[in-house]
């Protein structure tokens, strides 16, 4: 059995606190926003291309606000939300899962229906 490092209750579903200890979801919900783990990753989608500035940026700030954006020269999309309770976290994961599935389906359609013709 696993026990919450904060309250001592048996842990079925757990998260890790800032120190890396397993805690129950009730204790996780009580963590002050300032203790959220910061995440900040930016990258070009085609880093070796001189023709594309398309990029993504994934960020979680110390208040538990997340932003995920994909941009190219013509426009972009941005997902934004809060990660401060279980419902918000579940919704963020659902959004990202849906986006991942849509990208996979679109990629597979292109792979199955278009060919890359080499330059002469």
PDB file of N, CA and C in Angstrom:
ATOM      1  N   UNK A   1       0.836  -1.180   0.000  1.00  0.00           N
ATOM      2  CA  UNK A   1       0.000   0.000   0.000  1.00  0.00           C
ATOM      3  C   UNK A   1       0.882   1.244   0.000  1.00  0.00           C
ATOM      4  N   UNK A   2       0.361   2.282  -0.644  1.00  0.00           N
ATOM      5  CA  UNK A   2       1.050   3.557  -0.695  1.00  0.00           C
ATOM      6  C   UNK A   2       0.287   4.540   0.191  1.00  0.00           C
ATOM      7  N   UNK A   3       1.026   5.412   0.862  1.00  0.00           N
ATOM      8  CA  UNK A   3       0.410   6.390   1.747  1.00  0.00           C
ATOM      9  C   UNK A   3       0.787   7.798   1.329  1.00  0.00           C
ATOM     10  N   UNK A   4      -0.151   8.716   1.506  1.00  0.00           N
ATOM     11  CA  UNK A   4       0.072  10.124   1.183  1.00  0.00           C
ATOM     12  C   UNK A   4       1.119  10.703   2.134  1.00  0.00           C
ATOM     13  N   UNK A   5       2.122  11.382   1.568  1.00  0.00           N
ATOM     14  CA  UNK A   5       3.170  11.997   2.376  1.00  0.00           C
ATOM     15  C   UNK A   5       2.652  13.183   3.189  1.00  0.00           C
ATOM     16  N   UNK A   6       1.508  13.730   2.807  1.00  0.00           N
ATOM     17  CA  UNK A   6       0.955  14.896   3.504  1.00  0.00           C
ATOM     18  C   UNK A   6       0.015  14.495   4.634  1.00  0.00           C
ATOM     19  N   UNK A   7      -0.993  13.660   4.334  1.00  0.00           N
ATOM     20  CA  UNK A   7      -2.043  13.369   5.317  1.00  0.00           C
ATOM     21  C   UNK A   7      -1.994  11.946   5.867  1.00  0.00           C
ATOM     22  N   UNK A   8      -1.243  11.051   5.220  1.00  0.00           N
ATOM     23  CA  UNK A   8      -1.124   9.690   5.702  1.00  0.00           C
ATOM     24  C   UNK A   8      -2.192   8.728   5.225  1.00  0.00           C
ATOM     25  N   UNK A   9      -3.165   9.205   4.463  1.00  0.00           N
ATOM     26  CA  UNK A   9      -4.210   8.317   3.949  1.00  0.00           C
ATOM     27  C   UNK A   9      -3.657   7.390   2.879  1.00  0.00           C
ATOM     28  N   UNK A  10      -4.339   6.264   2.692  1.00  0.00           N
ATOM     29  CA  UNK A  10      -3.964   5.331   1.635  1.00  0.00           C
ATOM     30  C   UNK A  10      -4.153   6.027   0.292  1.00  0.00           C
ATOM     31  N   UNK A  11      -3.183   5.887  -0.580  1.00  0.00           N
ATOM     32  CA  UNK A  11      -3.209   6.577  -1.870  1.00  0.00           C
ATOM     33  C   UNK A  11      -3.572   5.588  -2.966  1.00  0.00           C
ATOM     34  N   UNK A  12      -4.675   5.849  -3.662  1.00  0.00           N
ATOM     35  CA  UNK A  12      -5.050   5.064  -4.836  1.00  0.00           C
ATOM     36  C   UNK A  12      -4.637   5.810  -6.100  1.00  0.00           C
ATOM     37  N   UNK A  13      -5.029   7.068  -6.174  1.00  0.00           N
ATOM     38  CA  UNK A  13      -4.613   7.948  -7.260  1.00  0.00           C
ATOM     39  C   UNK A  13      -3.718   9.006  -6.644  1.00  0.00           C
ATOM     40  N   UNK A  14      -2.549   9.200  -7.221  1.00  0.00           N
ATOM     41  CA  UNK A  14      -1.623  10.120  -6.578  1.00  0.00           C
ATOM     42  C   UNK A  14      -0.933  11.018  -7.588  1.00  0.00           C
ATOM     43  N   UNK A  15      -0.368  12.074  -7.073  1.00  0.00           N
ATOM     44  CA  UNK A  15       0.493  13.002  -7.795  1.00  0.00           C
ATOM     45  C   UNK A  15       1.744  13.171  -6.950  1.00  0.00           C
ATOM     46  N   UNK A  16       2.730  13.848  -7.511  1.00  0.00           N
ATOM     47  CA  UNK A  16       3.923  14.157  -6.726  1.00  0.00           C
ATOM     48  C   UNK A  16       3.920  15.634  -6.377  1.00  0.00           C
ATOM     49  N   UNK A  17       4.308  15.939  -5.147  1.00  0.00           N
ATOM     50  CA  UNK A  17       4.401  17.341  -4.758  1.00  0.00           C
ATOM     51  C   UNK A  17       5.751  17.905  -5.214  1.00  0.00           C
ATOM     52  N   UNK A  18       6.030  19.159  -4.892  1.00  0.00           N
ATOM     53  CA  UNK A  18       7.249  19.829  -5.358  1.00  0.00           C
ATOM     54  C   UNK A  18       8.515  19.109  -4.910  1.00  0.00           C
ATOM     55  N   UNK A  19       8.464  18.399  -3.793  1.00  0.00           N
ATOM     56  CA  UNK A  19       9.637  17.664  -3.304  1.00  0.00           C
ATOM     57  C   UNK A  19       9.746  16.269  -3.902  1.00  0.00           C
ATOM     58  N   UNK A  20       8.750  15.863  -4.684  1.00  0.00           N
ATOM     59  CA  UNK A  20       8.770  14.551  -5.319  1.00  0.00           C
ATOM     60  C   UNK A  20       8.082  13.445  -4.534  1.00  0.00           C
ATOM     61  N   UNK A  21       7.433  13.788  -3.416  1.00  0.00           N
ATOM     62  CA  UNK A  21       6.734  12.797  -2.615  1.00  0.00           C
ATOM     63  C   UNK A  21       5.330  12.552  -3.168  1.00  0.00           C
ATOM     64  N   UNK A  22       4.850  11.302  -3.041  1.00  0.00           N
ATOM     65  CA  UNK A  22       3.503  10.971  -3.495  1.00  0.00           C
ATOM     66  C   UNK A  22       2.480  11.500  -2.510  1.00  0.00           C
ATOM     67  N   UNK A  23       1.467  12.170  -3.064  1.00  0.00           N
ATOM     68  CA  UNK A  23       0.394  12.692  -2.232  1.00  0.00           C
ATOM     69  C   UNK A  23      -0.945  12.349  -2.877  1.00  0.00           C
ATOM     70  N   UNK A  24      -1.996  12.310  -2.064  1.00  0.00           N
ATOM     71  CA  UNK A  24      -3.324  11.998  -2.575  1.00  0.00           C
ATOM     72  C   UNK A  24      -3.872  13.185  -3.365  1.00  0.00           C
ATOM     73  N   UNK A  25      -4.916  12.939  -4.130  1.00  0.00           N
ATOM     74  CA  UNK A  25      -5.486  13.990  -4.967  1.00  0.00           C
ATOM     75  C   UNK A  25      -6.076  15.122  -4.116  1.00  0.00           C
ATOM     76  N   UNK A  26      -6.618  14.802  -2.945  1.00  0.00           N
ATOM     77  CA  UNK A  26      -7.161  15.850  -2.090  1.00  0.00           C
ATOM     78  C   UNK A  26      -6.061  16.795  -1.633  1.00  0.00           C
ATOM     79  N   UNK A  27      -4.905  16.270  -1.265  1.00  0.00           N
ATOM     80  CA  UNK A  27      -3.787  17.123  -0.870  1.00  0.00           C
ATOM     81  C   UNK A  27      -3.217  17.867  -2.080  1.00  0.00           C
ATOM     82  N   UNK A  28      -3.199  17.206  -3.228  1.00  0.00           N
ATOM     83  CA  UNK A  28      -2.720  17.866  -4.448  1.00  0.00           C
ATOM     84  C   UNK A  28      -3.575  19.088  -4.761  1.00  0.00           C
ATOM     85  N   UNK A  29      -4.904  18.964  -4.587  1.00  0.00           N
ATOM     86  CA  UNK A  29      -5.809  20.081  -4.851  1.00  0.00           C
ATOM     87  C   UNK A  29      -5.552  21.259  -3.919  1.00  0.00           C
ATOM     88  N   UNK A  30      -4.958  21.001  -2.757  1.00  0.00           N
ATOM     89  CA  UNK A  30      -4.701  22.059  -1.776  1.00  0.00           C
ATOM     90  C   UNK A  30      -3.345  22.737  -1.963  1.00  0.00           C
ATOM     91  N   UNK A  31      -2.522  22.259  -2.889  1.00  0.00           N
ATOM     92  CA  UNK A  31      -1.195  22.851  -3.101  1.00  0.00           C
ATOM     93  C   UNK A  31      -1.364  24.295  -3.577  1.00  0.00           C
ATOM     94  N   UNK A  32      -0.709  25.230  -2.929  1.00  0.00           N
ATOM     95  CA  UNK A  32      -0.785  26.615  -3.400  1.00  0.00           C
ATOM     96  C   UNK A  32      -0.264  26.716  -4.835  1.00  0.00           C
ATOM     97  N   UNK A  33      -0.846  27.625  -5.582  1.00  0.00           N
ATOM     98  CA  UNK A  33      -0.472  27.773  -6.984  1.00  0.00           C
ATOM     99  C   UNK A  33       1.030  27.999  -7.157  1.00  0.00           C
ATOM    100  N   UNK A  34       1.666  28.625  -6.212  1.00  0.00           N
ATOM    101  CA  UNK A  34       3.088  28.933  -6.349  1.00  0.00           C
ATOM    102  C   UNK A  34       3.959  27.680  -6.351  1.00  0.00           C
ATOM    103  N   UNK A  35       3.398  26.516  -6.007  1.00  0.00           N
ATOM    104  CA  UNK A  35       4.189  25.292  -5.968  1.00  0.00           C
ATOM    105  C   UNK A  35       4.086  24.448  -7.229  1.00  0.00           C
ATOM    106  N   UNK A  36       3.365  24.913  -8.262  1.00  0.00           N
ATOM    107  CA  UNK A  36       3.259  24.137  -9.487  1.00  0.00           C
ATOM    108  C   UNK A  36       4.612  24.074 -10.187  1.00  0.00           C
ATOM    109  N   UNK A  37       4.879  22.943 -10.796  1.00  0.00           N
ATOM    110  CA  UNK A  37       6.130  22.785 -11.520  1.00  0.00           C
ATOM    111  C   UNK A  37       6.063  23.567 -12.822  1.00  0.00           C
ATOM    112  N   UNK A  38       7.062  24.396 -13.060  1.00  0.00           N
ATOM    113  CA  UNK A  38       7.127  25.220 -14.260  1.00  0.00           C
ATOM    114  C   UNK A  38       7.623  24.373 -15.423  1.00  0.00           C
ATOM    115  N   UNK A  39       7.030  24.603 -16.588  1.00  0.00           N
ATOM    116  CA  UNK A  39       7.413  23.897 -17.812  1.00  0.00           C
ATOM    117  C   UNK A  39       7.428  24.933 -18.920  1.00  0.00           C
ATOM    118  N   UNK A  40       8.485  24.955 -19.729  1.00  0.00           N
ATOM    119  CA  UNK A  40       8.573  25.949 -20.792  1.00  0.00           C
ATOM    120  C   UNK A  40       9.434  25.388 -21.918  1.00  0.00           C
ATOM    121  N   UNK A  41       8.789  24.949 -23.008  1.00  0.00           N
ATOM    122  CA  UNK A  41       9.503  24.361 -24.140  1.00  0.00           C
ATOM    123  C   UNK A  41       9.027  25.037 -25.416  1.00  0.00           C
ATOM    124  N   UNK A  42       9.984  25.482 -26.225  1.00  0.00           N
ATOM    125  CA  UNK A  42       9.701  26.081 -27.530  1.00  0.00           C
ATOM    126  C   UNK A  42      10.567  25.376 -28.559  1.00  0.00           C
ATOM    127  N   UNK A  43      10.016  25.176 -29.757  1.00  0.00           N
ATOM    128  CA  UNK A  43      10.817  24.562 -30.822  1.00  0.00           C
ATOM    129  C   UNK A  43      10.188  24.869 -32.179  1.00  0.00           C
ATOM    130  N   UNK A  44      11.023  24.902 -33.201  1.00  0.00           N
ATOM    131  CA  UNK A  44      10.537  25.008 -34.565  1.00  0.00           C
ATOM    132  C   UNK A  44      10.070  23.634 -35.024  1.00  0.00           C
ATOM    133  N   UNK A  45       9.009  23.605 -35.834  1.00  0.00           N
ATOM    134  CA  UNK A  45       8.510  22.333 -36.349  1.00  0.00           C
ATOM    135  C   UNK A  45       9.418  21.787 -37.444  1.00  0.00           C
ATOM    136  N   UNK A  46      10.051  22.661 -38.188  1.00  0.00           N
ATOM    137  CA  UNK A  46      11.018  22.271 -39.227  1.00  0.00           C
ATOM    138  C   UNK A  46      12.316  23.043 -38.994  1.00  0.00           C
ATOM    139  N   UNK A  47      13.103  22.634 -38.010  1.00  0.00           N
ATOM    140  CA  UNK A  47      14.271  23.435 -37.621  1.00  0.00           C
ATOM    141  C   UNK A  47      15.323  23.610 -38.712  1.00  0.00           C
ATOM    142  N   UNK A  48      15.384  22.706 -39.685  1.00  0.00           N
ATOM    143  CA  UNK A  48      16.390  22.805 -40.735  1.00  0.00           C
ATOM    144  C   UNK A  48      15.887  23.506 -41.994  1.00  0.00           C
ATOM    145  N   UNK A  49      14.633  23.953 -41.983  1.00  0.00           N
ATOM    146  CA  UNK A  49      14.052  24.584 -43.161  1.00  0.00           C
ATOM    147  C   UNK A  49      14.270  26.097 -43.145  1.00  0.00           C
ATOM    148  N   UNK A  50      14.678  26.629 -44.299  1.00  0.00           N
ATOM    149  CA  UNK A  50      14.775  28.085 -44.416  1.00  0.00           C
ATOM    150  C   UNK A  50      13.449  28.678 -44.875  1.00  0.00           C
ATOM    151  N   UNK A  51      12.482  27.833 -45.202  1.00  0.00           N
ATOM    152  CA  UNK A  51      11.194  28.280 -45.717  1.00  0.00           C
ATOM    153  C   UNK A  51      10.084  28.307 -44.671  1.00  0.00           C
ATOM    154  N   UNK A  52      10.328  27.812 -43.475  1.00  0.00           N
ATOM    155  CA  UNK A  52       9.264  27.688 -42.484  1.00  0.00           C
ATOM    156  C   UNK A  52       9.694  28.261 -41.139  1.00  0.00           C
ATOM    157  N   UNK A  53       8.801  29.047 -40.569  1.00  0.00           N
ATOM    158  CA  UNK A  53       8.998  29.557 -39.209  1.00  0.00           C
ATOM    159  C   UNK A  53       7.990  28.919 -38.249  1.00  0.00           C
ATOM    160  N   UNK A  54       7.319  27.851 -38.690  1.00  0.00           N
ATOM    161  CA  UNK A  54       6.318  27.186 -37.862  1.00  0.00           C
ATOM    162  C   UNK A  54       6.955  26.688 -36.565  1.00  0.00           C
ATOM    163  N   UNK A  55       6.238  26.883 -35.460  1.00  0.00           N
ATOM    164  CA  UNK A  55       6.793  26.510 -34.163  1.00  0.00           C
ATOM    165  C   UNK A  55       5.677  26.156 -33.186  1.00  0.00           C
ATOM    166  N   UNK A  56       6.104  25.578 -32.066  1.00  0.00           N
ATOM    167  CA  UNK A  56       5.164  25.354 -30.970  1.00  0.00           C
ATOM    168  C   UNK A  56       5.773  25.877 -29.687  1.00  0.00           C
ATOM    169  N   UNK A  57       4.916  26.178 -28.737  1.00  0.00           N
ATOM    170  CA  UNK A  57       5.360  26.642 -27.423  1.00  0.00           C
ATOM    171  C   UNK A  57       4.428  26.025 -26.387  1.00  0.00           C
ATOM    172  N   UNK A  58       5.006  25.277 -25.467  1.00  0.00           N
ATOM    173  CA  UNK A  58       4.251  24.643 -24.384  1.00  0.00           C
ATOM    174  C   UNK A  58       4.744  25.213 -23.064  1.00  0.00           C
ATOM    175  N   UNK A  59       3.817  25.726 -22.253  1.00  0.00           N
ATOM    176  CA  UNK A  59       4.238  26.399 -21.030  1.00  0.00           C
ATOM    177  C   UNK A  59       3.240  26.154 -19.903  1.00  0.00           C
ATOM    178  N   UNK A  60       3.773  25.899 -18.702  1.00  0.00           N
ATOM    179  CA  UNK A  60       2.986  25.895 -17.469  1.00  0.00           C
ATOM    180  C   UNK A  60       3.701  26.831 -16.515  1.00  0.00           C
ATOM    181  N   UNK A  61       2.990  27.853 -16.034  1.00  0.00           N
ATOM    182  CA  UNK A  61       3.643  28.797 -15.124  1.00  0.00           C
ATOM    183  C   UNK A  61       3.456  28.366 -13.677  1.00  0.00           C
ATOM    184  N   UNK A  62       4.075  29.094 -12.762  1.00  0.00           N
ATOM    185  CA  UNK A  62       4.040  28.697 -11.353  1.00  0.00           C
ATOM    186  C   UNK A  62       2.662  28.818 -10.717  1.00  0.00           C
ATOM    187  N   UNK A  63       1.736  29.517 -11.380  1.00  0.00           N
ATOM    188  CA  UNK A  63       0.365  29.611 -10.886  1.00  0.00           C
ATOM    189  C   UNK A  63      -0.507  28.471 -11.385  1.00  0.00           C
ATOM    190  N   UNK A  64       0.055  27.581 -12.227  1.00  0.00           N
ATOM    191  CA  UNK A  64      -0.715  26.448 -12.733  1.00  0.00           C
ATOM    192  C   UNK A  64      -1.521  26.763 -13.972  1.00  0.00           C
ATOM    193  N   UNK A  65      -1.163  27.826 -14.680  1.00  0.00           N
ATOM    194  CA  UNK A  65      -1.827  28.181 -15.930  1.00  0.00           C
ATOM    195  C   UNK A  65      -1.003  27.587 -17.074  1.00  0.00           C
ATOM    196  N   UNK A  66      -1.677  26.860 -17.971  1.00  0.00           N
ATOM    197  CA  UNK A  66      -0.948  26.296 -19.108  1.00  0.00           C
ATOM    198  C   UNK A  66      -1.337  27.004 -20.388  1.00  0.00           C
ATOM    199  N   UNK A  67      -0.393  27.034 -21.313  1.00  0.00           N
ATOM    200  CA  UNK A  67      -0.624  27.563 -22.662  1.00  0.00           C
ATOM    201  C   UNK A  67       0.124  26.646 -23.624  1.00  0.00           C
ATOM    202  N   UNK A  68      -0.553  26.237 -24.661  1.00  0.00           N
ATOM    203  CA  UNK A  68       0.080  25.438 -25.710  1.00  0.00           C
ATOM    204  C   UNK A  68      -0.305  26.077 -27.030  1.00  0.00           C
ATOM    205  N   UNK A  69       0.689  26.490 -27.801  1.00  0.00           N
ATOM    206  CA  UNK A  69       0.384  27.141 -29.075  1.00  0.00           C
ATOM    207  C   UNK A  69       1.211  26.552 -30.203  1.00  0.00           C
ATOM    208  N   UNK A  70       0.606  26.574 -31.384  1.00  0.00           N
ATOM    209  CA  UNK A  70       1.267  26.189 -32.628  1.00  0.00           C
ATOM    210  C   UNK A  70       1.028  27.346 -33.588  1.00  0.00           C
ATOM    211  N   UNK A  71       2.107  27.862 -34.165  1.00  0.00           N
ATOM    212  CA  UNK A  71       1.998  29.006 -35.077  1.00  0.00           C
ATOM    213  C   UNK A  71       2.838  28.777 -36.319  1.00  0.00           C
ATOM    214  N   UNK A  72       2.362  29.334 -37.419  1.00  0.00           N
ATOM    215  CA  UNK A  72       3.177  29.445 -38.629  1.00  0.00           C
ATOM    216  C   UNK A  72       3.044  30.880 -39.115  1.00  0.00           C
ATOM    217  N   UNK A  73       3.487  31.156 -40.318  1.00  0.00           N
ATOM    218  CA  UNK A  73       3.471  32.529 -40.826  1.00  0.00           C
ATOM    219  C   UNK A  73       2.061  33.077 -41.003  1.00  0.00           C
ATOM    220  N   UNK A  74       1.073  32.211 -41.168  1.00  0.00           N
ATOM    221  CA  UNK A  74      -0.280  32.648 -41.485  1.00  0.00           C
ATOM    222  C   UNK A  74      -1.233  32.694 -40.295  1.00  0.00           C
ATOM    223  N   UNK A  75      -0.902  32.073 -39.212  1.00  0.00           N
ATOM    224  CA  UNK A  75      -1.815  32.059 -38.073  1.00  0.00           C
ATOM    225  C   UNK A  75      -1.421  30.999 -37.078  1.00  0.00           C
ATOM    226  N   UNK A  76      -2.342  30.675 -36.188  1.00  0.00           N
ATOM    227  CA  UNK A  76      -2.015  29.666 -35.197  1.00  0.00           C
ATOM    228  C   UNK A  76      -3.194  29.310 -34.330  1.00  0.00           C
ATOM    229  N   UNK A  77      -2.932  28.399 -33.412  1.00  0.00           N
ATOM    230  CA  UNK A  77      -3.921  27.998 -32.421  1.00  0.00           C
ATOM    231  C   UNK A  77      -3.278  28.088 -31.051  1.00  0.00           C
ATOM    232  N   UNK A  78      -4.113  28.305 -30.029  1.00  0.00           N
ATOM    233  CA  UNK A  78      -3.589  28.314 -28.667  1.00  0.00           C
ATOM    234  C   UNK A  78      -4.611  27.706 -27.737  1.00  0.00           C
ATOM    235  N   UNK A  79      -4.160  26.745 -26.965  1.00  0.00           N
ATOM    236  CA  UNK A  79      -4.963  26.180 -25.890  1.00  0.00           C
ATOM    237  C   UNK A  79      -4.486  26.828 -24.604  1.00  0.00           C
ATOM    238  N   UNK A  80      -5.413  27.190 -23.747  1.00  0.00           N
ATOM    239  CA  UNK A  80      -5.047  27.830 -22.495  1.00  0.00           C
ATOM    240  C   UNK A  80      -5.994  27.338 -21.420  1.00  0.00           C
ATOM    241  N   UNK A  81      -5.471  27.121 -20.240  1.00  0.00           N
ATOM    242  CA  UNK A  81      -6.332  26.672 -19.159  1.00  0.00           C
ATOM    243  C   UNK A  81      -5.620  26.681 -17.825  1.00  0.00           C
ATOM    244  N   UNK A  82      -6.321  26.162 -16.847  1.00  0.00           N
ATOM    245  CA  UNK A  82      -5.899  26.159 -15.462  1.00  0.00           C
ATOM    246  C   UNK A  82      -5.637  24.711 -15.042  1.00  0.00           C
ATOM    247  N   UNK A  83      -4.627  24.486 -14.233  1.00  0.00           N
ATOM    248  CA  UNK A  83      -4.317  23.139 -13.740  1.00  0.00           C
ATOM    249  C   UNK A  83      -4.393  23.090 -12.216  1.00  0.00           C
ATOM    250  N   UNK A  84      -5.398  23.729 -11.660  1.00  0.00           N
ATOM    251  CA  UNK A  84      -5.454  23.861 -10.211  1.00  0.00           C
ATOM    252  C   UNK A  84      -6.461  22.957  -9.515  1.00  0.00           C
ATOM    253  N   UNK A  85      -7.195  22.153 -10.283  1.00  0.00           N
ATOM    254  CA  UNK A  85      -8.032  21.133  -9.646  1.00  0.00           C
ATOM    255  C   UNK A  85      -8.178  19.957 -10.609  1.00  0.00           C
ATOM    256  N   UNK A  86      -8.724  18.882 -10.114  1.00  0.00           N
ATOM    257  CA  UNK A  86      -8.802  17.649 -10.910  1.00  0.00           C
ATOM    258  C   UNK A  86      -9.619  17.814 -12.182  1.00  0.00           C
ATOM    259  N   UNK A  87     -10.696  18.567 -12.120  1.00  0.00           N
ATOM    260  CA  UNK A  87     -11.534  18.767 -13.302  1.00  0.00           C
ATOM    261  C   UNK A  87     -10.763  19.507 -14.390  1.00  0.00           C
ATOM    262  N   UNK A  88     -10.061  20.568 -14.002  1.00  0.00           N
ATOM    263  CA  UNK A  88      -9.272  21.336 -14.968  1.00  0.00           C
ATOM    264  C   UNK A  88      -8.161  20.488 -15.582  1.00  0.00           C
ATOM    265  N   UNK A  89      -7.517  19.674 -14.769  1.00  0.00           N
ATOM    266  CA  UNK A  89      -6.442  18.808 -15.266  1.00  0.00           C
ATOM    267  C   UNK A  89      -7.007  17.795 -16.257  1.00  0.00           C
ATOM    268  N   UNK A  90      -8.143  17.185 -15.921  1.00  0.00           N
ATOM    269  CA  UNK A  90      -8.773  16.213 -16.825  1.00  0.00           C
ATOM    270  C   UNK A  90      -9.164  16.873 -18.145  1.00  0.00           C
ATOM    271  N   UNK A  91      -9.697  18.097 -18.091  1.00  0.00           N
ATOM    272  CA  UNK A  91     -10.078  18.799 -19.313  1.00  0.00           C
ATOM    273  C   UNK A  91      -8.856  19.132 -20.170  1.00  0.00           C
ATOM    274  N   UNK A  92      -7.759  19.523 -19.544  1.00  0.00           N
ATOM    275  CA  UNK A  92      -6.534  19.818 -20.287  1.00  0.00           C
ATOM    276  C   UNK A  92      -6.035  18.564 -21.000  1.00  0.00           C
ATOM    277  N   UNK A  93      -6.049  17.456 -20.304  1.00  0.00           N
ATOM    278  CA  UNK A  93      -5.602  16.198 -20.909  1.00  0.00           C
ATOM    279  C   UNK A  93      -6.532  15.791 -22.045  1.00  0.00           C
ATOM    280  N   UNK A  94      -7.842  15.967 -21.867  1.00  0.00           N
ATOM    281  CA  UNK A  94      -8.798  15.655 -22.938  1.00  0.00           C
ATOM    282  C   UNK A  94      -8.556  16.520 -24.171  1.00  0.00           C
ATOM    283  N   UNK A  95      -8.311  17.812 -23.967  1.00  0.00           N
ATOM    284  CA  UNK A  95      -8.026  18.709 -25.096  1.00  0.00           C
ATOM    285  C   UNK A  95      -6.784  18.240 -25.859  1.00  0.00           C
ATOM    286  N   UNK A  96      -5.729  17.930 -25.114  1.00  0.00           N
ATOM    287  CA  UNK A  96      -4.480  17.510 -25.760  1.00  0.00           C
ATOM    288  C   UNK A  96      -4.634  16.156 -26.443  1.00  0.00           C
ATOM    289  N   UNK A  97      -5.378  15.234 -25.850  1.00  0.00           N
ATOM    290  CA  UNK A  97      -5.629  13.940 -26.485  1.00  0.00           C
ATOM    291  C   UNK A  97      -6.412  14.110 -27.782  1.00  0.00           C
ATOM    292  N   UNK A  98      -7.418  14.986 -27.769  1.00  0.00           N
ATOM    293  CA  UNK A  98      -8.210  15.238 -28.973  1.00  0.00           C
ATOM    294  C   UNK A  98      -7.356  15.858 -30.064  1.00  0.00           C
ATOM    295  N   UNK A  99      -6.518  16.826 -29.699  1.00  0.00           N
ATOM    296  CA  UNK A  99      -5.615  17.454 -30.672  1.00  0.00           C
ATOM    297  C   UNK A  99      -4.628  16.430 -31.232  1.00  0.00           C
ATOM    298  N   UNK A 100      -4.068  15.598 -30.363  1.00  0.00           N
ATOM    299  CA  UNK A 100      -3.130  14.567 -30.804  1.00  0.00           C
ATOM    300  C   UNK A 100      -3.797  13.618 -31.799  1.00  0.00           C
ATOM    301  N   UNK A 101      -5.023  13.203 -31.516  1.00  0.00           N
ATOM    302  CA  UNK A 101      -5.743  12.301 -32.404  1.00  0.00           C
ATOM    303  C   UNK A 101      -6.043  12.969 -33.746  1.00  0.00           C
ATOM    304  N   UNK A 102      -6.467  14.229 -33.723  1.00  0.00           N
ATOM    305  CA  UNK A 102      -6.753  14.951 -34.966  1.00  0.00           C
ATOM    306  C   UNK A 102      -5.499  15.086 -35.819  1.00  0.00           C
ATOM    307  N   UNK A 103      -4.371  15.384 -35.196  1.00  0.00           N
ATOM    308  CA  UNK A 103      -3.111  15.496 -35.938  1.00  0.00           C
ATOM    309  C   UNK A 103      -2.708  14.152 -36.548  1.00  0.00           C
ATOM    310  N   UNK A 104      -2.876  13.087 -35.787  1.00  0.00           N
ATOM    311  CA  UNK A 104      -2.535  11.756 -36.283  1.00  0.00           C
ATOM    312  C   UNK A 104      -3.409  11.380 -37.481  1.00  0.00           C
ATOM    313  N   UNK A 105      -4.711  11.631 -37.382  1.00  0.00           N
ATOM    314  CA  UNK A 105      -5.614  11.322 -38.488  1.00  0.00           C
ATOM    315  C   UNK A 105      -5.273  12.134 -39.735  1.00  0.00           C
ATOM    316  N   UNK A 106      -4.967  13.398 -39.560  1.00  0.00           N
ATOM    317  CA  UNK A 106      -4.624  14.258 -40.690  1.00  0.00           C
ATOM    318  C   UNK A 106      -3.298  13.810 -41.320  1.00  0.00           C
ATOM    319  N   UNK A 107      -2.315  13.506 -40.483  1.00  0.00           N
ATOM    320  CA  UNK A 107      -1.034  13.006 -40.987  1.00  0.00           C
ATOM    321  C   UNK A 107      -1.229  11.714 -41.777  1.00  0.00           C
ATOM    322  N   UNK A 108      -2.005  10.783 -41.250  1.00  0.00           N
ATOM    323  CA  UNK A 108      -2.235   9.513 -41.938  1.00  0.00           C
ATOM    324  C   UNK A 108      -2.953   9.714 -43.267  1.00  0.00           C
ATOM    325  N   UNK A 109      -3.896  10.650 -43.313  1.00  0.00           N
ATOM    326  CA  UNK A 109      -4.584  10.945 -44.574  1.00  0.00           C
ATOM    327  C   UNK A 109      -3.587  11.460 -45.617  1.00  0.00           C
ATOM    328  N   UNK A 110      -2.713  12.349 -45.216  1.00  0.00           N
ATOM    329  CA  UNK A 110      -1.709  12.872 -46.159  1.00  0.00           C
ATOM    330  C   UNK A 110      -0.774  11.760 -46.615  1.00  0.00           C
ATOM    331  N   UNK A 111      -0.296  10.961 -45.677  1.00  0.00           N
ATOM    332  CA  UNK A 111       0.610   9.860 -46.041  1.00  0.00           C
ATOM    333  C   UNK A 111      -0.047   8.877 -46.996  1.00  0.00           C
ATOM    334  N   UNK A 112      -1.335   8.595 -46.791  1.00  0.00           N
ATOM    335  CA  UNK A 112      -2.041   7.606 -47.600  1.00  0.00           C
ATOM    336  C   UNK A 112      -2.489   8.132 -48.962  1.00  0.00           C
ATOM    337  N   UNK A 113      -2.620   9.437 -49.110  1.00  0.00           N
ATOM    338  CA  UNK A 113      -3.212   9.984 -50.329  1.00  0.00           C
ATOM    339  C   UNK A 113      -2.313  10.889 -51.155  1.00  0.00           C
ATOM    340  N   UNK A 114      -1.131  11.174 -50.671  1.00  0.00           N
ATOM    341  CA  UNK A 114      -0.210  12.048 -51.406  1.00  0.00           C
ATOM    342  C   UNK A 114       1.162  11.411 -51.418  1.00  0.00           C
ATOM    343  N   UNK A 115       1.885  11.671 -52.475  1.00  0.00           N
ATOM    344  CA  UNK A 115       3.244  11.150 -52.582  1.00  0.00           C
ATOM    345  C   UNK A 115       4.213  12.305 -52.686  1.00  0.00           C
ATOM    346  N   UNK A 116       5.389  12.074 -52.217  1.00  0.00           N
ATOM    347  CA  UNK A 116       6.439  13.075 -52.344  1.00  0.00           C
ATOM    348  C   UNK A 116       7.188  12.796 -53.625  1.00  0.00           C
ATOM    349  N   UNK A 117       7.150  13.753 -54.526  1.00  0.00           N
ATOM    350  CA  UNK A 117       7.841  13.610 -55.810  1.00  0.00           C
ATOM    351  C   UNK A 117       9.207  14.260 -55.686  1.00  0.00           C
ATOM    352  N   UNK A 118      10.269  13.494 -55.929  1.00  0.00           N
ATOM    353  CA  UNK A 118      11.604  14.092 -55.829  1.00  0.00           C
ATOM    354  C   UNK A 118      11.812  15.129 -56.945  1.00  0.00           C
ATOM    355  N   UNK A 119      12.634  16.117 -56.639  1.00  0.00           N
ATOM    356  CA  UNK A 119      12.968  17.130 -57.630  1.00  0.00           C
ATOM    357  C   UNK A 119      13.833  16.505 -58.718  1.00  0.00           C
ATOM    358  N   UNK A 120      13.676  16.965 -59.986  1.00  0.00           N
ATOM    359  CA  UNK A 120      14.484  16.412 -61.081  1.00  0.00           C
ATOM    360  C   UNK A 120      15.964  16.724 -60.917  1.00  0.00           C
TER     361      UNK A 120
END
